[in-house]
Amino acid sequence: MSDTILAQDHGNWVEITLNRPDRLNSFTDEMHLALRAALEAARDNGARAVLLTGAGRGFCAGQDLGDRDPSKMDGPPDLGYTVRTFYAPLVRLIRSLDFPVICAVNGVAAGAGANIALACDIVLAGESAKFIQSFAKVGLIPDTGGSWHLPRLLGEARAKGLALTAQPLPAKQAEDWGLIWKALPDDQLMTEARAMAEHFANGPTLGFGLTKRCIQAACVDTLEDHLELEADAMKTCGESADYAEGVSAFLEKRAPKFQGK
């Protein structure tokens, strides 16, 4: 695997670190492919949770603009190709994984870096972290799902404000607005993030995955369609070993031992 990504296997969960700290973990094509490979390997090897974070003083500054400098190219870059080939598949992969993906934002998350974090299921951030929709500074639109996630999480007014001004949003304000799950003291971020990954990895993974799928579908489903989706998901959960174990543990007043299936 490329050294732009570090993957640490914890048995039933994997910690993945963006590893270009000298460039604030900004994305190159190589790093994109390595991150997707690490996520796919976690899925294929039976991981029940993933923790995504960044090395050094920031989470991710988005695209490495040195790779998309028009002055060094024969013509203007095809950024639509970049989105379709690299960023969109990454967002789709994170959203499709049948287990929780936690993002620990350890510093600045700018541009596509901010929106990759928002594609994850649980976002924790150190109190010094900032979320910046920096696209407006270079004449672009919020990609990597940003123009989709922002209005759904924040409403149109705040989404437009962040996108058009490119003003940094501090982690605590992001928590207060409902953009992320929780802001934490910097020195507690990774401890809590790892504990959460361990908790999810030992939980009822089938139910977690179906919960994720149902919530993600809610913004496009009609109520009638969604009630049917819930019924199908509940049927699957009710037939699972995890449900049987959870009920038995509750009735026997003991801690459950979930298998994730």
Protein backbone atom coordinates (compact mmCIF):
# COMPACT_ATOMS: atom_id res chain seq x y z
CA MET A 1 0.00 0.00 0.00
CA SER A 2 1.10 3.58 -0.64
CA ASP A 3 2.66 5.34 2.36
CA THR A 4 0.18 8.20 1.85
CA ILE A 5 -2.27 6.07 3.87
CA LEU A 6 -1.61 4.16 7.08
CA ALA A 7 -3.94 1.33 8.12
CA GLN A 8 -3.77 -0.23 11.58
CA ASP A 9 -5.77 -3.41 12.12
CA HIS A 10 -7.30 -3.71 15.60
CA GLY A 11 -8.89 -7.10 14.95
CA ASN A 12 -12.52 -6.20 14.32
CA TRP A 13 -11.95 -2.53 13.45
CA VAL A 14 -9.40 -0.57 11.43
CA GLU A 15 -7.85 2.83 12.01
CA ILE A 16 -7.00 4.58 8.73
CA THR A 17 -4.78 7.68 8.75
CA LEU A 18 -4.30 10.16 5.93
CA ASN A 19 -0.51 10.46 5.86
CA ARG A 20 0.78 13.49 3.98
CA PRO A 21 1.29 15.72 7.02
CA ASP A 22 3.76 17.99 5.20
CA ARG A 23 0.90 18.91 2.80
CA LEU A 24 -1.87 18.93 5.44
CA ASN A 25 -2.93 15.53 4.07
CA SER A 26 -4.16 17.06 0.82
CA PHE A 27 -5.23 14.55 -1.80
CA THR A 28 -3.27 13.28 -4.76
CA ASP A 29 -4.50 10.62 -7.15
CA GLU A 30 -2.21 8.11 -5.43
CA MET A 31 -3.67 8.93 -2.02
CA HIS A 32 -7.24 8.59 -3.32
CA LEU A 33 -6.58 5.11 -4.64
CA ALA A 34 -4.76 4.08 -1.45
CA LEU A 35 -7.62 5.28 0.77
CA ARG A 36 -10.21 3.45 -1.29
CA ALA A 37 -8.06 0.31 -1.20
CA ALA A 38 -7.77 0.56 2.60
CA LEU A 39 -11.54 0.98 3.03
CA GLU A 40 -12.26 -1.90 0.65
CA ALA A 41 -9.74 -4.11 2.47
CA ALA A 42 -11.41 -3.31 5.81
CA ARG A 43 -14.78 -4.27 4.33
CA ASP A 44 -13.53 -7.42 2.63
CA ASN A 45 -11.63 -8.60 5.73
CA GLY A 46 -14.68 -8.39 7.96
CA ALA A 47 -14.07 -5.15 9.86
CA ARG A 48 -17.05 -4.02 11.94
CA ALA A 49 -16.00 -0.35 12.20
CA VAL A 50 -13.50 2.09 10.69
CA LEU A 51 -11.89 5.15 12.23
CA LEU A 52 -10.59 7.76 9.77
CA THR A 53 -8.21 10.52 10.88
CA GLY A 54 -5.23 12.56 9.71
CA ALA A 55 -1.54 12.64 10.58
CA GLY A 56 0.09 15.77 11.94
CA ARG A 57 -1.57 19.11 12.66
CA GLY A 58 -4.61 18.81 10.38
CA PHE A 59 -7.15 16.35 9.06
CA CYS A 60 -7.20 17.18 5.34
CA ALA A 61 -6.81 20.36 3.27
CA GLY A 62 -8.70 18.89 0.30
CA GLN A 63 -7.18 18.57 -3.14
CA ASP A 64 -3.45 19.19 -3.59
CA LEU A 65 -3.77 22.12 -5.99
CA GLY A 66 -0.24 21.58 -7.24
CA ASP A 67 -1.64 18.63 -9.17
CA ARG A 68 -4.36 20.78 -10.78
CA ASP A 69 -2.38 23.97 -11.61
CA PRO A 70 -3.63 25.28 -15.01
CA SER A 71 -0.32 27.12 -15.59
CA LYS A 72 1.51 23.77 -15.64
CA MET A 73 -0.94 22.04 -17.98
CA ASP A 74 -1.57 22.14 -21.72
CA GLY A 75 -5.15 23.30 -21.07
CA PRO A 76 -7.61 23.74 -18.24
CA PRO A 77 -7.98 20.72 -15.94
CA ASP A 78 -11.07 18.56 -16.32
CA LEU A 79 -12.31 18.82 -12.74
CA GLY A 80 -15.47 16.94 -13.64
CA TYR A 81 -13.25 13.96 -14.44
CA THR A 82 -11.49 14.40 -11.08
CA VAL A 83 -14.80 14.39 -9.21
CA ARG A 84 -16.22 11.41 -11.11
CA THR A 85 -13.01 9.36 -10.92
CA PHE A 86 -11.82 10.08 -7.39
CA TYR A 87 -14.08 12.06 -5.04
CA ALA A 88 -17.52 10.71 -5.93
CA PRO A 89 -16.46 7.03 -5.70
CA LEU A 90 -14.90 7.71 -2.30
CA VAL A 91 -18.11 9.27 -0.94
CA ARG A 92 -20.19 6.42 -2.37
CA LEU A 93 -17.90 3.84 -0.79
CA ILE A 94 -18.01 5.43 2.68
CA ARG A 95 -21.80 5.72 2.55
CA SER A 96 -22.24 2.14 1.31
CA LEU A 97 -20.17 0.38 3.98
CA ASP A 98 -22.38 -1.80 6.20
CA PHE A 99 -20.71 -0.67 9.41
CA PRO A 100 -20.08 2.68 11.13
CA VAL A 101 -17.33 4.96 9.82
CA ILE A 102 -16.07 7.41 12.46
CA CYS A 103 -14.10 10.49 11.45
CA ALA A 104 -11.79 12.13 14.00
CA VAL A 105 -11.02 15.64 12.71
CA ASN A 106 -7.71 16.67 14.26
CA GLY A 107 -7.25 20.21 12.98
CA VAL A 108 -8.26 21.90 9.76
CA ALA A 109 -10.71 20.14 7.42
CA ALA A 110 -10.94 22.24 4.29
CA GLY A 111 -12.58 21.83 0.89
CA ALA A 112 -12.98 18.18 -0.02
CA GLY A 113 -11.38 17.31 3.33
CA ALA A 114 -14.33 18.84 5.16
CA ASN A 115 -16.83 17.06 2.94
CA ILE A 116 -15.17 13.66 3.23
CA ALA A 117 -15.60 14.05 6.99
CA LEU A 118 -19.30 14.88 6.49
CA ALA A 119 -19.75 11.70 4.43
CA CYS A 120 -18.80 9.64 7.50
CA ASP A 121 -21.39 8.39 9.98
CA ILE A 122 -20.04 9.94 13.18
CA VAL A 123 -17.83 13.04 13.13
CA LEU A 124 -15.80 13.93 16.22
CA ALA A 125 -13.53 16.98 16.16
CA GLY A 126 -10.89 18.47 18.40
CA GLU A 127 -11.91 21.87 19.74
CA SER A 128 -9.11 23.52 17.74
CA ALA A 129 -10.43 22.04 14.48
CA LYS A 130 -12.14 24.16 11.81
CA PHE A 131 -14.34 23.22 8.87
CA ILE A 132 -13.80 25.39 5.80
CA GLN A 133 -15.75 25.26 2.54
CA SER A 134 -12.77 26.80 0.78
CA PHE A 135 -14.00 26.21 -2.78
CA ALA A 136 -15.22 29.80 -3.22
CA LYS A 137 -11.65 31.06 -2.80
CA VAL A 138 -10.67 29.43 -6.10
CA GLY A 139 -13.93 29.81 -8.00
CA LEU A 140 -15.32 26.33 -7.42
CA ILE A 141 -18.44 24.75 -5.92
CA PRO A 142 -18.53 22.49 -2.83
CA ASP A 143 -17.94 19.03 -4.27
CA THR A 144 -17.35 15.65 -2.61
CA GLY A 145 -21.02 15.71 -1.61
CA GLY A 146 -20.70 19.08 0.09
CA SER A 147 -23.53 20.79 -1.76
CA TRP A 148 -25.72 17.78 -0.88
CA HIS A 149 -24.79 17.31 2.77
CA LEU A 150 -24.61 20.95 3.88
CA PRO A 151 -28.25 21.97 3.25
CA ARG A 152 -29.53 18.68 4.68
CA LEU A 153 -27.52 19.07 7.86
CA LEU A 154 -27.73 22.85 8.29
CA GLY A 155 -30.53 24.23 6.09
CA GLU A 156 -30.19 26.41 3.01
CA ALA A 157 -29.24 29.68 4.72
CA ARG A 158 -26.27 28.31 6.66
CA ALA A 159 -25.20 26.07 3.77
CA LYS A 160 -25.06 29.04 1.40
CA GLY A 161 -23.34 31.19 4.01
CA LEU A 162 -20.54 28.68 4.53
CA ALA A 163 -20.19 27.89 0.82
CA LEU A 164 -20.21 31.46 -0.48
CA THR A 165 -18.06 33.10 2.21
CA ALA A 166 -15.60 30.25 2.82
CA GLN A 167 -15.48 31.37 6.45
CA PRO A 168 -13.99 28.82 8.88
CA LEU A 169 -16.51 27.12 11.16
CA PRO A 170 -14.98 26.24 14.56
CA ALA A 171 -15.60 22.73 15.85
CA LYS A 172 -17.75 23.82 18.80
CA GLN A 173 -20.00 25.87 16.52
CA ALA A 174 -20.18 22.94 14.11
CA GLU A 175 -21.43 20.82 17.01
CA ASP A 176 -23.94 23.48 18.10
CA TRP A 177 -25.28 23.74 14.53
CA GLY A 178 -25.63 19.96 14.16
CA LEU A 179 -22.98 19.63 11.45
CA ILE A 180 -20.97 17.13 13.53
CA TRP A 181 -21.69 14.81 16.44
CA LYS A 182 -19.30 16.20 19.06
CA ALA A 183 -16.42 18.61 19.68
CA LEU A 184 -13.87 17.41 22.25
CA PRO A 185 -10.74 18.75 23.93
CA ASP A 186 -7.87 18.08 21.54
CA ASP A 187 -6.10 15.75 23.96
CA GLN A 188 -9.23 13.60 24.32
CA LEU A 189 -10.13 13.30 20.63
CA MET A 190 -8.32 10.10 19.66
CA THR A 191 -9.01 8.36 22.97
CA GLU A 192 -12.76 8.86 22.57
CA ALA A 193 -12.69 8.09 18.84
CA ARG A 194 -10.88 4.80 19.40
CA ALA A 195 -13.18 3.84 22.26
CA MET A 196 -16.17 4.52 20.01
CA ALA A 197 -14.69 2.39 17.21
CA GLU A 198 -14.11 -0.45 19.68
CA HIS A 199 -17.70 -0.08 20.97
CA PHE A 200 -19.19 -0.24 17.47
CA ALA A 201 -16.94 -3.14 16.47
CA ASN A 202 -18.30 -5.21 19.35
CA GLY A 203 -21.91 -4.21 18.79
CA PRO A 204 -24.78 -5.50 16.63
CA THR A 205 -23.12 -4.66 13.30
CA LEU A 206 -25.99 -5.89 11.14
CA GLY A 207 -28.37 -3.52 12.90
CA PHE A 208 -25.87 -0.66 12.70
CA GLY A 209 -25.50 -1.13 8.96
CA LEU A 210 -29.25 -1.23 8.38
CA THR A 211 -29.74 1.82 10.62
CA LYS A 212 -27.20 3.67 8.51
CA ARG A 213 -28.95 2.61 5.30
CA CYS A 214 -32.39 3.67 6.53
CA ILE A 215 -31.29 7.09 7.75
CA GLN A 216 -29.42 7.79 4.54
CA ALA A 217 -32.50 6.89 2.50
CA ALA A 218 -34.84 9.12 4.52
CA CYS A 219 -34.07 12.33 2.62
CA VAL A 220 -35.18 10.88 -0.72
CA ASP A 221 -37.89 8.35 0.28
CA THR A 222 -41.58 9.07 0.58
CA LEU A 223 -43.03 8.19 3.98
CA GLU A 224 -44.82 5.17 2.51
CA ASP A 225 -41.66 3.88 0.85
CA HIS A 226 -39.67 4.47 4.00
CA LEU A 227 -42.11 2.59 6.21
CA GLU A 228 -41.68 -0.38 3.90
CA LEU A 229 -37.90 -0.03 4.09
CA GLU A 230 -38.13 -0.03 7.89
CA ALA A 231 -40.32 -3.13 7.85
CA ASP A 232 -37.86 -4.99 5.63
CA ALA A 233 -34.94 -3.94 7.80
CA MET A 234 -36.74 -5.00 10.98
CA LYS A 235 -37.52 -8.39 9.46
CA THR A 236 -33.83 -8.89 8.72
CA CYS A 237 -32.80 -7.74 12.20
CA GLY A 238 -35.42 -9.91 13.89
CA GLU A 239 -34.01 -13.00 12.19
CA SER A 240 -30.43 -12.21 13.23
CA ALA A 241 -28.27 -13.84 15.88
CA ASP A 242 -27.57 -10.40 17.32
CA TYR A 243 -31.25 -9.76 18.04
CA ALA A 244 -31.62 -13.12 19.75
CA GLU A 245 -28.52 -12.46 21.82
CA GLY A 246 -29.59 -8.91 22.69
CA VAL A 247 -33.00 -10.01 23.96
CA SER A 248 -31.54 -12.97 25.86
CA ALA A 249 -28.94 -10.73 27.50
CA PHE A 250 -31.60 -8.19 28.47
CA LEU A 251 -33.84 -10.82 30.05
CA GLU A 252 -30.91 -12.51 31.79
CA LYS A 253 -29.55 -9.15 33.03
CA ARG A 254 -26.09 -9.63 31.51
CA ALA A 255 -23.93 -7.88 28.92
CA PRO A 256 -24.62 -9.09 25.37
CA LYS A 257 -21.94 -10.74 23.24
CA PHE A 258 -22.79 -9.71 19.69
CA GLN A 259 -21.35 -11.49 16.67
CA GLY A 260 -22.18 -8.77 14.17
CA LYS A 261 -24.62 -10.95 12.23
